[in-house]
Every structure is written in C-alpha cells, then in structure tokens.
Amino acid sequence: MTVNPTPPGSGTAPNRPRPLWQRSALIMAAIAALLFVIEGVDAVTNYRLDDAGIEPRQVDGLDGILWAPFLHADWQHLFANLIPGLVLGFLLLMSQRFVIVTAIVWVVSGLGVWLFAPPYSITVGASGIIFGWLTYLLIRGLFNRDIWQILGGVVLFLIYGSVLWGVLPTDSGVSWQGHLFGAIGGVLAAWYLADRDRRRARKAGTQQPYPGVRS
C-alpha cells in the first residue's frame, strides 16, 4: 500500500491560540452570563440568596466577602454594575493582571465592608471590585512610570472619573464602604505589582531608569 505524502502547505494548520482581546472578551462574557444566571436564581427564590452577603462584624458573615460580588439586590443593581464592569474587566484582562488585582481588591473591599458597614446590614454587589479595577487602571502608570499607561488613565478618568464620588457617604442605600475600600485595594494592587516588578528587574539585572530607555 502506497501512501501519498502530503504536499507542502496543504496540511491542516495547527490550532493557534486566540488573540488576547478575544480571550478577554470571552472571559468577560462568561462572567456576565454567570451573573445573569445567579441573579435569575436569586429572583426566582425571592432574593433569598442575598442573605449570603456581607454581615458586618459577624464571624459567620465573613464568608459573605466571597459571595457578595456575585449577588445583587435586583436586576437594576446588576445592570448598573454590568457595563462599567465589562469595560474595566476587559481592560484589566488585556493588561494580564486580572487575577492578582481582582484578588487584592476583592479582599480589601470585603474586609472594609465587614469592618465598617452599618450594623444589621447585608451588603451585596460587585461595585467594590469595579471601583478597585478603576483606581488600578487610573494610577498604575504612575507607579510603573509608563507614559502610555498614564495617558490611558487620563482617558479613563474623563470617562468614568465621576463615579469616584461613590466613595463618599452620599446615599444610605449604597455601600460607600465597599466603594472606598475597593478603590484603596486598587491603589494597593498598583503599588504592589509595580514594586514586585521592580524587585524582579533588579534581581535579573535588567532594571531600566525609565521605560524604553537603556542605560
């Protein structure tokens, strides 16, 4: 039996990884779909899932730090967070710092709510994480000394800067504590990652005095 060799160039091309922007968009779409499913279940159960939110200064309310960002008070609350969340999450995924930044913001925002929210309240919603994503993207360029990141932060500030008023206690029905500590978490994430990168660069002997300039 004779097997004819495959002519050059006629074989099946190997599977190539999706471009970063496609992967980022798909991840954010999956997160949005998950939030829709959870909110649907929450609505069907008369919003009983919201009881799993953050209960301040209650030991059995600490697990709410994990669950609260997945829960929303109603559909309006979800949609209010969804658009800025999708945009900022996509940008963060494009920077390839999504996991670390989100983890820091998640914990700092949640602990801030647990420590300082009004007694007998239950806090739900992803807005604390969104505030953290925003502040990280706004100021990371200052810590990284990267002019393009600084300019990107300026553009983001012009678009979303007004939402930062949410860190102030202007509405009793809104968790300004989550917003404030989420924003603090974003600053801490920007500082931590920039400092970590500089230490790694020093250890490798490749640190540059300014981005793009060789010494």
N, C-alpha and C. Protein backbone atom coordinates (compact mmCIF):
# COMPACT_ATOMS: atom_id res chain seq x y z
N MET A 1 0.85 -1.19 0.00
CA MET A 1 0.00 0.00 0.00
C MET A 1 0.88 1.23 0.00
N THR A 2 0.60 2.12 -0.93
CA THR A 2 1.39 3.33 -1.05
C THR A 2 0.63 4.51 -0.47
N VAL A 3 1.31 5.26 0.35
CA VAL A 3 0.71 6.46 0.95
C VAL A 3 1.33 7.67 0.30
N ASN A 4 0.48 8.49 -0.30
CA ASN A 4 0.99 9.69 -0.94
C ASN A 4 1.34 10.73 0.12
N PRO A 5 2.54 11.26 0.06
CA PRO A 5 2.91 12.30 1.03
C PRO A 5 2.05 13.53 0.84
N THR A 6 1.80 14.22 1.92
CA THR A 6 1.00 15.45 1.87
C THR A 6 1.84 16.57 1.29
N PRO A 7 1.35 17.20 0.22
CA PRO A 7 2.12 18.28 -0.38
C PRO A 7 2.37 19.39 0.64
N PRO A 8 3.53 20.04 0.53
CA PRO A 8 3.84 21.13 1.45
C PRO A 8 2.74 22.20 1.39
N GLY A 9 2.35 22.67 2.56
CA GLY A 9 1.37 23.75 2.62
C GLY A 9 -0.06 23.30 2.55
N SER A 10 -0.30 21.95 2.30
CA SER A 10 -1.68 21.51 2.17
C SER A 10 -2.21 20.85 3.43
N GLY A 11 -1.37 20.71 4.45
CA GLY A 11 -1.80 20.08 5.69
C GLY A 11 -2.68 21.00 6.50
N THR A 12 -3.28 20.42 7.56
CA THR A 12 -4.12 21.22 8.44
C THR A 12 -3.26 22.09 9.33
N ALA A 13 -3.55 23.34 9.37
CA ALA A 13 -2.77 24.28 10.18
C ALA A 13 -2.99 23.96 11.66
N PRO A 14 -1.93 24.03 12.46
CA PRO A 14 -2.08 23.77 13.89
C PRO A 14 -3.01 24.81 14.53
N ASN A 15 -3.69 24.36 15.60
CA ASN A 15 -4.58 25.29 16.29
C ASN A 15 -3.76 26.41 16.91
N ARG A 16 -4.13 27.61 16.62
CA ARG A 16 -3.43 28.76 17.16
C ARG A 16 -4.26 29.34 18.30
N PRO A 17 -3.59 29.83 19.37
CA PRO A 17 -4.35 30.44 20.47
C PRO A 17 -5.08 31.68 19.98
N ARG A 18 -6.22 31.91 20.59
CA ARG A 18 -6.97 33.11 20.23
C ARG A 18 -6.18 34.36 20.60
N PRO A 19 -6.37 35.46 19.88
CA PRO A 19 -5.74 36.72 20.27
C PRO A 19 -6.19 37.12 21.67
N LEU A 20 -5.35 37.88 22.35
CA LEU A 20 -5.64 38.26 23.73
C LEU A 20 -6.97 38.98 23.86
N TRP A 21 -7.30 39.84 22.90
CA TRP A 21 -8.54 40.61 23.02
C TRP A 21 -9.76 39.68 22.91
N GLN A 22 -9.65 38.62 22.11
CA GLN A 22 -10.75 37.67 22.00
C GLN A 22 -10.92 36.87 23.29
N ARG A 23 -9.81 36.43 23.84
CA ARG A 23 -9.88 35.68 25.10
C ARG A 23 -10.45 36.56 26.21
N SER A 24 -10.02 37.81 26.24
CA SER A 24 -10.51 38.74 27.27
C SER A 24 -12.01 38.97 27.13
N ALA A 25 -12.46 39.15 25.89
CA ALA A 25 -13.89 39.36 25.65
C ALA A 25 -14.70 38.14 26.04
N LEU A 26 -14.18 36.95 25.72
CA LEU A 26 -14.90 35.72 26.06
C LEU A 26 -14.99 35.52 27.57
N ILE A 27 -13.92 35.83 28.27
CA ILE A 27 -13.93 35.69 29.73
C ILE A 27 -14.96 36.64 30.35
N MET A 28 -14.99 37.88 29.89
CA MET A 28 -15.95 38.83 30.45
C MET A 28 -17.38 38.45 30.07
N ALA A 29 -17.56 37.89 28.89
CA ALA A 29 -18.90 37.41 28.51
C ALA A 29 -19.33 36.27 29.41
N ALA A 30 -18.39 35.37 29.75
CA ALA A 30 -18.72 34.26 30.64
C ALA A 30 -19.06 34.76 32.04
N ILE A 31 -18.33 35.75 32.51
CA ILE A 31 -18.62 36.33 33.83
C ILE A 31 -20.00 36.97 33.82
N ALA A 32 -20.31 37.71 32.77
CA ALA A 32 -21.63 38.34 32.66
C ALA A 32 -22.73 37.29 32.65
N ALA A 33 -22.53 36.22 31.89
CA ALA A 33 -23.53 35.16 31.83
C ALA A 33 -23.74 34.53 33.20
N LEU A 34 -22.64 34.31 33.93
CA LEU A 34 -22.75 33.74 35.28
C LEU A 34 -23.55 34.66 36.19
N LEU A 35 -23.30 35.95 36.12
CA LEU A 35 -24.03 36.90 36.96
C LEU A 35 -25.52 36.92 36.62
N PHE A 36 -25.83 36.78 35.33
CA PHE A 36 -27.24 36.73 34.92
C PHE A 36 -27.92 35.48 35.48
N VAL A 37 -27.23 34.36 35.41
CA VAL A 37 -27.81 33.11 35.92
C VAL A 37 -28.05 33.23 37.43
N ILE A 38 -27.05 33.73 38.15
CA ILE A 38 -27.19 33.86 39.60
C ILE A 38 -28.33 34.82 39.95
N GLU A 39 -28.43 35.92 39.23
CA GLU A 39 -29.50 36.87 39.52
C GLU A 39 -30.85 36.28 39.19
N GLY A 40 -30.92 35.47 38.13
CA GLY A 40 -32.17 34.80 37.82
C GLY A 40 -32.61 33.86 38.92
N VAL A 41 -31.68 33.07 39.43
CA VAL A 41 -31.99 32.17 40.54
C VAL A 41 -32.39 32.98 41.77
N ASP A 42 -31.68 34.07 42.01
CA ASP A 42 -31.98 34.93 43.15
C ASP A 42 -33.40 35.49 43.06
N ALA A 43 -33.78 35.94 41.86
CA ALA A 43 -35.12 36.50 41.68
C ALA A 43 -36.20 35.44 41.87
N VAL A 44 -35.96 34.24 41.34
CA VAL A 44 -36.94 33.15 41.47
C VAL A 44 -37.14 32.76 42.92
N THR A 45 -36.08 32.85 43.72
CA THR A 45 -36.16 32.47 45.14
C THR A 45 -36.48 33.65 46.03
N ASN A 46 -37.07 34.70 45.42
CA ASN A 46 -37.45 35.90 46.18
C ASN A 46 -36.24 36.55 46.86
N TYR A 47 -35.11 36.53 46.16
CA TYR A 47 -33.87 37.18 46.58
C TYR A 47 -33.36 36.67 47.92
N ARG A 48 -33.56 35.40 48.15
CA ARG A 48 -33.06 34.80 49.38
C ARG A 48 -31.54 34.58 49.33
N LEU A 49 -30.98 34.51 48.11
CA LEU A 49 -29.54 34.35 48.01
C LEU A 49 -28.79 35.54 48.59
N ASP A 50 -29.43 36.70 48.59
CA ASP A 50 -28.77 37.89 49.10
C ASP A 50 -28.44 37.80 50.58
N ASP A 51 -29.06 36.86 51.27
CA ASP A 51 -28.73 36.66 52.69
C ASP A 51 -27.30 36.19 52.87
N ALA A 52 -26.67 35.74 51.79
CA ALA A 52 -25.27 35.28 51.86
C ALA A 52 -24.29 36.42 51.69
N GLY A 53 -24.78 37.67 51.67
CA GLY A 53 -23.89 38.83 51.56
C GLY A 53 -23.08 39.06 52.82
N ILE A 54 -22.40 40.19 52.87
CA ILE A 54 -21.50 40.51 53.98
C ILE A 54 -22.29 41.07 55.15
N GLU A 55 -22.22 40.40 56.30
CA GLU A 55 -22.82 40.90 57.54
C GLU A 55 -21.70 41.47 58.40
N PRO A 56 -21.73 42.78 58.63
CA PRO A 56 -20.59 43.42 59.31
C PRO A 56 -20.38 42.92 60.74
N ARG A 57 -19.11 42.66 61.02
CA ARG A 57 -18.64 42.30 62.36
C ARG A 57 -19.29 41.05 62.94
N GLN A 58 -19.79 40.20 62.05
CA GLN A 58 -20.32 38.89 62.45
C GLN A 58 -19.39 37.82 61.88
N VAL A 59 -18.89 36.95 62.74
CA VAL A 59 -17.95 35.94 62.27
C VAL A 59 -18.56 35.08 61.18
N ASP A 60 -19.85 34.74 61.33
CA ASP A 60 -20.48 33.92 60.31
C ASP A 60 -20.86 34.73 59.08
N GLY A 61 -20.56 36.03 59.10
CA GLY A 61 -20.79 36.87 57.93
C GLY A 61 -19.54 37.08 57.10
N LEU A 62 -18.40 36.53 57.59
CA LEU A 62 -17.15 36.70 56.86
C LEU A 62 -17.17 36.01 55.50
N ASP A 63 -17.90 34.87 55.40
CA ASP A 63 -17.94 34.19 54.11
C ASP A 63 -18.67 35.02 53.06
N GLY A 64 -19.43 36.03 53.51
CA GLY A 64 -20.07 36.93 52.56
C GLY A 64 -19.08 37.69 51.71
N ILE A 65 -17.85 37.86 52.21
CA ILE A 65 -16.81 38.51 51.41
C ILE A 65 -16.59 37.76 50.11
N LEU A 66 -16.69 36.44 50.18
CA LEU A 66 -16.51 35.62 48.97
C LEU A 66 -17.71 35.72 48.04
N TRP A 67 -18.93 35.70 48.60
CA TRP A 67 -20.14 35.59 47.77
C TRP A 67 -20.71 36.92 47.32
N ALA A 68 -20.50 37.98 48.09
CA ALA A 68 -21.19 39.26 47.83
C ALA A 68 -21.04 39.78 46.40
N PRO A 69 -19.83 39.74 45.78
CA PRO A 69 -19.72 40.28 44.42
C PRO A 69 -20.55 39.55 43.37
N PHE A 70 -20.97 38.31 43.67
CA PHE A 70 -21.80 37.57 42.72
C PHE A 70 -23.29 37.90 42.88
N LEU A 71 -23.65 38.58 43.95
CA LEU A 71 -25.05 38.83 44.28
C LEU A 71 -25.40 40.30 44.07
N HIS A 72 -26.66 40.54 43.69
CA HIS A 72 -27.13 41.92 43.51
C HIS A 72 -28.55 42.04 44.04
N ALA A 73 -28.88 43.24 44.50
CA ALA A 73 -30.16 43.46 45.15
C ALA A 73 -31.33 43.25 44.20
N ASP A 74 -31.14 43.57 42.92
CA ASP A 74 -32.19 43.37 41.92
C ASP A 74 -31.54 43.52 40.54
N TRP A 75 -32.36 43.39 39.50
CA TRP A 75 -31.82 43.49 38.14
C TRP A 75 -31.24 44.87 37.86
N GLN A 76 -31.88 45.91 38.38
CA GLN A 76 -31.36 47.26 38.16
C GLN A 76 -29.96 47.41 38.74
N HIS A 77 -29.77 46.84 39.93
CA HIS A 77 -28.46 46.87 40.56
C HIS A 77 -27.42 46.15 39.70
N LEU A 78 -27.80 45.00 39.16
CA LEU A 78 -26.89 44.25 38.31
C LEU A 78 -26.52 45.03 37.06
N PHE A 79 -27.50 45.60 36.38
CA PHE A 79 -27.23 46.33 35.14
C PHE A 79 -26.39 47.58 35.40
N ALA A 80 -26.57 48.21 36.57
CA ALA A 80 -25.78 49.40 36.90
C ALA A 80 -24.29 49.04 37.01
N ASN A 81 -24.00 47.83 37.47
CA ASN A 81 -22.61 47.40 37.60
C ASN A 81 -22.06 46.77 36.32
N LEU A 82 -22.94 46.27 35.47
CA LEU A 82 -22.51 45.41 34.38
C LEU A 82 -21.68 46.15 33.33
N ILE A 83 -22.17 47.30 32.85
CA ILE A 83 -21.47 47.98 31.76
C ILE A 83 -20.08 48.43 32.16
N PRO A 84 -19.93 49.22 33.25
CA PRO A 84 -18.55 49.58 33.62
C PRO A 84 -17.72 48.37 33.99
N GLY A 85 -18.34 47.36 34.58
CA GLY A 85 -17.60 46.16 34.94
C GLY A 85 -17.05 45.43 33.74
N LEU A 86 -17.84 45.31 32.68
CA LEU A 86 -17.38 44.65 31.46
C LEU A 86 -16.22 45.42 30.82
N VAL A 87 -16.35 46.73 30.76
CA VAL A 87 -15.30 47.55 30.14
C VAL A 87 -14.01 47.47 30.93
N LEU A 88 -14.10 47.72 32.24
CA LEU A 88 -12.89 47.74 33.07
C LEU A 88 -12.27 46.35 33.21
N GLY A 89 -13.12 45.33 33.33
CA GLY A 89 -12.59 43.97 33.41
C GLY A 89 -11.87 43.58 32.14
N PHE A 90 -12.42 43.98 30.99
CA PHE A 90 -11.77 43.69 29.71
C PHE A 90 -10.40 44.36 29.65
N LEU A 91 -10.33 45.63 30.05
CA LEU A 91 -9.05 46.34 30.03
C LEU A 91 -8.03 45.70 30.97
N LEU A 92 -8.52 45.24 32.11
CA LEU A 92 -7.63 44.60 33.07
C LEU A 92 -7.12 43.26 32.53
N LEU A 93 -7.98 42.51 31.88
CA LEU A 93 -7.55 41.26 31.25
C LEU A 93 -6.53 41.53 30.15
N MET A 94 -6.71 42.60 29.41
CA MET A 94 -5.75 42.94 28.37
C MET A 94 -4.38 43.27 28.96
N SER A 95 -4.37 43.80 30.19
CA SER A 95 -3.10 44.10 30.84
C SER A 95 -2.47 42.87 31.47
N GLN A 96 -3.22 41.75 31.48
CA GLN A 96 -2.76 40.46 32.03
C GLN A 96 -2.41 40.56 33.51
N ARG A 97 -3.19 41.36 34.23
CA ARG A 97 -3.02 41.47 35.69
C ARG A 97 -4.35 41.20 36.39
N PHE A 98 -5.27 40.55 35.71
CA PHE A 98 -6.65 40.43 36.20
C PHE A 98 -6.73 39.67 37.52
N VAL A 99 -6.07 38.54 37.62
CA VAL A 99 -6.24 37.67 38.78
C VAL A 99 -5.70 38.33 40.05
N ILE A 100 -4.48 38.84 39.99
CA ILE A 100 -3.86 39.43 41.18
C ILE A 100 -4.60 40.68 41.62
N VAL A 101 -4.89 41.56 40.68
CA VAL A 101 -5.59 42.80 41.03
C VAL A 101 -6.97 42.49 41.62
N THR A 102 -7.70 41.59 40.98
CA THR A 102 -9.04 41.27 41.46
C THR A 102 -8.98 40.65 42.85
N ALA A 103 -8.02 39.77 43.09
CA ALA A 103 -7.91 39.14 44.41
C ALA A 103 -7.64 40.17 45.50
N ILE A 104 -6.72 41.10 45.25
CA ILE A 104 -6.41 42.12 46.25
C ILE A 104 -7.62 43.01 46.50
N VAL A 105 -8.24 43.47 45.44
CA VAL A 105 -9.40 44.35 45.57
C VAL A 105 -10.55 43.63 46.28
N TRP A 106 -10.78 42.39 45.91
CA TRP A 106 -11.87 41.59 46.49
C TRP A 106 -11.74 41.52 48.01
N VAL A 107 -10.53 41.19 48.48
CA VAL A 107 -10.31 41.02 49.91
C VAL A 107 -10.38 42.36 50.64
N VAL A 108 -9.71 43.39 50.12
CA VAL A 108 -9.68 44.68 50.80
C VAL A 108 -11.07 45.30 50.85
N SER A 109 -11.80 45.25 49.75
CA SER A 109 -13.15 45.80 49.72
C SER A 109 -14.05 45.05 50.69
N GLY A 110 -14.00 43.72 50.64
CA GLY A 110 -14.86 42.93 51.51
C GLY A 110 -14.57 43.14 52.98
N LEU A 111 -13.29 43.18 53.35
CA LEU A 111 -12.94 43.41 54.74
C LEU A 111 -13.35 44.81 55.19
N GLY A 112 -13.22 45.79 54.30
CA GLY A 112 -13.64 47.15 54.65
C GLY A 112 -15.12 47.21 54.95
N VAL A 113 -15.92 46.51 54.15
CA VAL A 113 -17.36 46.46 54.40
C VAL A 113 -17.64 45.74 55.71
N TRP A 114 -16.98 44.61 55.92
CA TRP A 114 -17.22 43.82 57.14
C TRP A 114 -16.88 44.62 58.40
N LEU A 115 -15.85 45.45 58.31
CA LEU A 115 -15.42 46.21 59.48
C LEU A 115 -16.24 47.48 59.71
N PHE A 116 -16.69 48.13 58.65
CA PHE A 116 -17.22 49.49 58.79
C PHE A 116 -18.65 49.69 58.32
N ALA A 117 -19.27 48.69 57.72
CA ALA A 117 -20.67 48.85 57.29
C ALA A 117 -21.58 48.99 58.51
N PRO A 118 -22.76 49.59 58.34
CA PRO A 118 -23.69 49.74 59.47
C PRO A 118 -24.09 48.39 60.04
N PRO A 119 -24.34 48.32 61.35
CA PRO A 119 -24.75 47.04 61.95
C PRO A 119 -26.09 46.57 61.41
N TYR A 120 -26.26 45.26 61.40
CA TYR A 120 -27.50 44.60 60.97
C TYR A 120 -27.81 44.81 59.48
N SER A 121 -26.80 45.22 58.71
CA SER A 121 -26.99 45.36 57.26
C SER A 121 -26.40 44.15 56.56
N ILE A 122 -26.80 43.96 55.31
CA ILE A 122 -26.21 42.94 54.45
C ILE A 122 -25.82 43.61 53.14
N THR A 123 -24.56 43.49 52.78
CA THR A 123 -24.04 44.17 51.59
C THR A 123 -23.79 43.16 50.48
N VAL A 124 -24.33 43.45 49.30
CA VAL A 124 -24.11 42.63 48.11
C VAL A 124 -23.74 43.54 46.95
N GLY A 125 -23.13 42.95 45.92
CA GLY A 125 -22.82 43.70 44.72
C GLY A 125 -21.35 43.69 44.37
N ALA A 126 -21.05 43.91 43.10
CA ALA A 126 -19.68 43.88 42.59
C ALA A 126 -19.07 45.26 42.47
N SER A 127 -19.75 46.29 42.96
CA SER A 127 -19.25 47.65 42.74
C SER A 127 -17.93 47.91 43.44
N GLY A 128 -17.68 47.25 44.58
CA GLY A 128 -16.39 47.43 45.24
C GLY A 128 -15.25 46.96 44.36
N ILE A 129 -15.44 45.83 43.70
CA ILE A 129 -14.41 45.33 42.78
C ILE A 129 -14.27 46.27 41.58
N ILE A 130 -15.38 46.79 41.08
CA ILE A 130 -15.32 47.71 39.94
C ILE A 130 -14.54 48.97 40.30
N PHE A 131 -14.78 49.50 41.51
CA PHE A 131 -14.02 50.68 41.94
C PHE A 131 -12.53 50.35 42.03
N GLY A 132 -12.20 49.14 42.50
CA GLY A 132 -10.80 48.75 42.57
C GLY A 132 -10.17 48.63 41.20
N TRP A 133 -10.89 48.02 40.26
CA TRP A 133 -10.38 47.94 38.90
C TRP A 133 -10.13 49.33 38.33
N LEU A 134 -11.07 50.23 38.58
CA LEU A 134 -10.94 51.58 38.04
C LEU A 134 -9.72 52.30 38.61
N THR A 135 -9.57 52.29 39.93
CA THR A 135 -8.43 53.01 40.51
C THR A 135 -7.10 52.38 40.09
N TYR A 136 -7.08 51.06 39.96
CA TYR A 136 -5.85 50.43 39.49
C TYR A 136 -5.48 50.94 38.10
N LEU A 137 -6.45 50.92 37.20
CA LEU A 137 -6.18 51.35 35.83
C LEU A 137 -5.87 52.84 35.75
N LEU A 138 -6.43 53.62 36.68
CA LEU A 138 -6.18 55.07 36.68
C LEU A 138 -4.75 55.40 37.08
N ILE A 139 -4.21 54.68 38.08
CA ILE A 139 -2.93 55.13 38.66
C ILE A 139 -1.76 54.18 38.41
N ARG A 140 -1.98 53.05 37.77
CA ARG A 140 -0.88 52.11 37.59
C ARG A 140 0.28 52.74 36.85
N GLY A 141 -0.02 53.65 35.90
CA GLY A 141 1.04 54.29 35.13
C GLY A 141 1.97 55.13 36.00
N LEU A 142 1.44 55.70 37.09
CA LEU A 142 2.28 56.50 37.98
C LEU A 142 3.29 55.61 38.70
N PHE A 143 2.83 54.45 39.17
CA PHE A 143 3.74 53.52 39.84
C PHE A 143 4.71 52.87 38.87
N ASN A 144 4.23 52.60 37.65
CA ASN A 144 5.08 51.95 36.65
C ASN A 144 5.95 52.94 35.88
N ARG A 145 5.68 54.23 36.04
CA ARG A 145 6.41 55.28 35.30
C ARG A 145 6.30 55.05 33.80
N ASP A 146 5.07 54.77 33.39
CA ASP A 146 4.78 54.44 31.99
C ASP A 146 3.86 55.51 31.43
N ILE A 147 4.36 56.27 30.47
CA ILE A 147 3.60 57.41 29.94
C ILE A 147 2.31 56.97 29.26
N TRP A 148 2.33 55.81 28.57
CA TRP A 148 1.13 55.35 27.87
C TRP A 148 0.06 54.91 28.85
N GLN A 149 0.47 54.27 29.94
CA GLN A 149 -0.50 53.91 30.97
C GLN A 149 -1.06 55.15 31.66
N ILE A 150 -0.22 56.16 31.84
CA ILE A 150 -0.70 57.42 32.43
C ILE A 150 -1.73 58.06 31.52
N LEU A 151 -1.44 58.11 30.23
CA LEU A 151 -2.39 58.70 29.29
C LEU A 151 -3.69 57.89 29.24
N GLY A 152 -3.56 56.56 29.29
CA GLY A 152 -4.76 55.73 29.34
C GLY A 152 -5.58 56.01 30.59
N GLY A 153 -4.89 56.24 31.72
CA GLY A 153 -5.59 56.58 32.95
C GLY A 153 -6.32 57.91 32.85
N VAL A 154 -5.72 58.86 32.14
CA VAL A 154 -6.38 60.16 31.95
C VAL A 154 -7.67 59.99 31.15
N VAL A 155 -7.59 59.19 30.09
CA VAL A 155 -8.78 58.94 29.28
C VAL A 155 -9.87 58.26 30.11
N LEU A 156 -9.48 57.26 30.90
CA LEU A 156 -10.45 56.57 31.75
C LEU A 156 -11.06 57.53 32.77
N PHE A 157 -10.24 58.41 33.31
CA PHE A 157 -10.76 59.38 34.29
C PHE A 157 -11.80 60.29 33.65
N LEU A 158 -11.56 60.71 32.41
CA LEU A 158 -12.53 61.57 31.73
C LEU A 158 -13.85 60.84 31.49
N ILE A 159 -13.78 59.51 31.31
CA ILE A 159 -14.99 58.73 31.03
C ILE A 159 -15.70 58.33 32.32
N TYR A 160 -14.93 57.81 33.28
CA TYR A 160 -15.54 57.21 34.47
C TYR A 160 -15.19 57.93 35.77
N GLY A 161 -14.43 59.01 35.69
CA GLY A 161 -13.97 59.67 36.91
C GLY A 161 -15.09 60.11 37.83
N SER A 162 -16.24 60.45 37.27
CA SER A 162 -17.34 60.96 38.10
C SER A 162 -17.87 59.91 39.07
N VAL A 163 -17.69 58.62 38.74
CA VAL A 163 -18.22 57.59 39.63
C VAL A 163 -17.44 57.52 40.93
N LEU A 164 -16.26 58.13 40.98
CA LEU A 164 -15.45 58.09 42.19
C LEU A 164 -16.11 58.84 43.34
N TRP A 165 -17.12 59.66 43.03
CA TRP A 165 -17.88 60.29 44.11
C TRP A 165 -18.57 59.24 44.97
N GLY A 166 -18.69 58.04 44.44
CA GLY A 166 -19.33 56.96 45.19
C GLY A 166 -18.57 56.51 46.42
N VAL A 167 -17.32 56.99 46.59
CA VAL A 167 -16.58 56.64 47.81
C VAL A 167 -17.04 57.49 49.00
N LEU A 168 -17.89 58.47 48.74
CA LEU A 168 -18.39 59.33 49.81
C LEU A 168 -19.75 58.84 50.28
N PRO A 169 -20.07 59.03 51.57
CA PRO A 169 -21.36 58.56 52.11
C PRO A 169 -22.52 59.48 51.73
N THR A 170 -22.89 59.45 50.46
CA THR A 170 -23.96 60.34 49.98
C THR A 170 -25.32 59.68 49.92
N ASP A 171 -25.37 58.33 49.97
CA ASP A 171 -26.64 57.61 49.83
C ASP A 171 -26.63 56.46 50.83
N SER A 172 -27.60 56.47 51.73
CA SER A 172 -27.64 55.45 52.77
C SER A 172 -27.88 54.05 52.21
N GLY A 173 -28.40 53.95 51.01
CA GLY A 173 -28.67 52.65 50.41
C GLY A 173 -27.53 52.11 49.58
N VAL A 174 -26.43 52.84 49.52
CA VAL A 174 -25.28 52.45 48.72
C VAL A 174 -24.09 52.22 49.64
N SER A 175 -23.37 51.15 49.43
CA SER A 175 -22.22 50.82 50.28
C SER A 175 -21.00 51.64 49.87
N TRP A 176 -20.93 52.85 50.41
CA TRP A 176 -19.74 53.66 50.14
C TRP A 176 -18.50 53.00 50.73
N GLN A 177 -18.69 52.20 51.78
CA GLN A 177 -17.54 51.48 52.36
C GLN A 177 -16.93 50.53 51.34
N GLY A 178 -17.79 49.79 50.62
CA GLY A 178 -17.28 48.89 49.60
C GLY A 178 -16.58 49.65 48.49
N HIS A 179 -17.14 50.79 48.10
CA HIS A 179 -16.52 51.61 47.06
C HIS A 179 -15.16 52.14 47.52
N LEU A 180 -15.14 52.70 48.73
CA LEU A 180 -13.91 53.31 49.24
C LEU A 180 -12.80 52.28 49.39
N PHE A 181 -13.11 51.15 50.03
CA PHE A 181 -12.07 50.15 50.25
C PHE A 181 -11.74 49.39 48.97
N GLY A 182 -12.67 49.30 48.04
CA GLY A 182 -12.33 48.76 46.74
C GLY A 182 -11.33 49.65 46.03
N ALA A 183 -11.56 50.97 46.11
CA ALA A 183 -10.62 51.91 45.50
C ALA A 183 -9.25 51.83 46.17
N ILE A 184 -9.23 51.70 47.49
CA ILE A 184 -7.96 51.54 48.21
C ILE A 184 -7.27 50.26 47.76
N GLY A 185 -8.06 49.20 47.59
CA GLY A 185 -7.49 47.95 47.10
C GLY A 185 -6.85 48.10 45.73
N GLY A 186 -7.46 48.90 44.86
CA GLY A 186 -6.88 49.14 43.54
C GLY A 186 -5.55 49.86 43.63
N VAL A 187 -5.45 50.82 44.55
CA VAL A 187 -4.19 51.53 44.75
C VAL A 187 -3.13 50.58 45.29
N LEU A 188 -3.51 49.77 46.28
CA LEU A 188 -2.56 48.79 46.84
C LEU A 188 -2.09 47.80 45.78
N ALA A 189 -2.99 47.37 44.90
CA ALA A 189 -2.61 46.44 43.84
C ALA A 189 -1.62 47.08 42.88
N ALA A 190 -1.86 48.35 42.53
CA ALA A 190 -0.95 49.05 41.62
C ALA A 190 0.43 49.20 42.25
N TRP A 191 0.46 49.55 43.53
CA TRP A 191 1.74 49.69 44.22
C TRP A 191 2.46 48.35 44.33
N TYR A 192 1.73 47.32 44.75
CA TYR A 192 2.34 46.01 44.95
C TYR A 192 2.93 45.46 43.66
N LEU A 193 2.18 45.52 42.58
CA LEU A 193 2.65 44.94 41.32
C LEU A 193 3.83 45.72 40.76
N ALA A 194 3.79 47.06 40.86
CA ALA A 194 4.92 47.85 40.38
C ALA A 194 6.17 47.56 41.20
N ASP A 195 6.00 47.46 42.52
CA ASP A 195 7.14 47.17 43.39
C ASP A 195 7.69 45.77 43.12
N ARG A 196 6.79 44.80 42.92
CA ARG A 196 7.23 43.45 42.62
C ARG A 196 8.00 43.39 41.31
N ASP A 197 7.50 44.11 40.30
CA ASP A 197 8.18 44.09 39.00
C ASP A 197 9.55 44.74 39.09
N ARG A 198 9.67 45.82 39.89
CA ARG A 198 10.97 46.46 40.03
C ARG A 198 11.96 45.55 40.76
N ARG A 199 11.47 44.85 41.80
CA ARG A 199 12.36 43.94 42.52
C ARG A 199 12.82 42.80 41.62
N ARG A 200 11.91 42.29 40.81
CA ARG A 200 12.30 41.22 39.88
C ARG A 200 13.30 41.73 38.86
N ALA A 201 13.10 42.97 38.39
CA ALA A 201 14.02 43.54 37.40
C ALA A 201 15.40 43.73 38.01
N ARG A 202 15.45 44.20 39.28
CA ARG A 202 16.75 44.37 39.93
C ARG A 202 17.45 43.04 40.10
N LYS A 203 16.67 42.03 40.49
CA LYS A 203 17.25 40.71 40.70
C LYS A 203 17.80 40.13 39.40
N ALA A 204 17.10 40.42 38.29
CA ALA A 204 17.54 39.92 36.99
C ALA A 204 18.59 40.82 36.36
N GLY A 205 18.83 42.00 36.97
CA GLY A 205 19.81 42.94 36.43
C GLY A 205 19.38 43.62 35.17
N THR A 206 18.05 43.79 35.00
CA THR A 206 17.53 44.39 33.76
C THR A 206 16.73 45.64 34.03
N GLN A 207 16.81 46.20 35.24
CA GLN A 207 16.00 47.38 35.53
C GLN A 207 16.45 48.56 34.69
N GLN A 208 15.47 49.30 34.16
CA GLN A 208 15.75 50.47 33.35
C GLN A 208 15.38 51.72 34.15
N PRO A 209 16.17 52.80 34.03
CA PRO A 209 15.83 54.01 34.76
C PRO A 209 14.52 54.63 34.31
N TYR A 210 14.21 54.50 33.04
CA TYR A 210 12.94 55.00 32.50
C TYR A 210 12.45 53.99 31.48
N PRO A 211 11.11 53.87 31.33
CA PRO A 211 10.59 52.91 30.36
C PRO A 211 11.12 53.20 28.96
N GLY A 212 11.64 52.17 28.31
CA GLY A 212 12.06 52.31 26.93
C GLY A 212 13.43 52.93 26.75
N VAL A 213 14.14 53.27 27.86
CA VAL A 213 15.45 53.90 27.75
C VAL A 213 16.49 52.94 28.33
N ARG A 214 17.51 52.65 27.59
CA ARG A 214 18.56 51.74 28.04
C ARG A 214 19.70 52.53 28.64
N SER A 215 20.23 52.03 29.74
CA SER A 215 21.36 52.72 30.39
C SER A 215 22.68 52.13 29.90
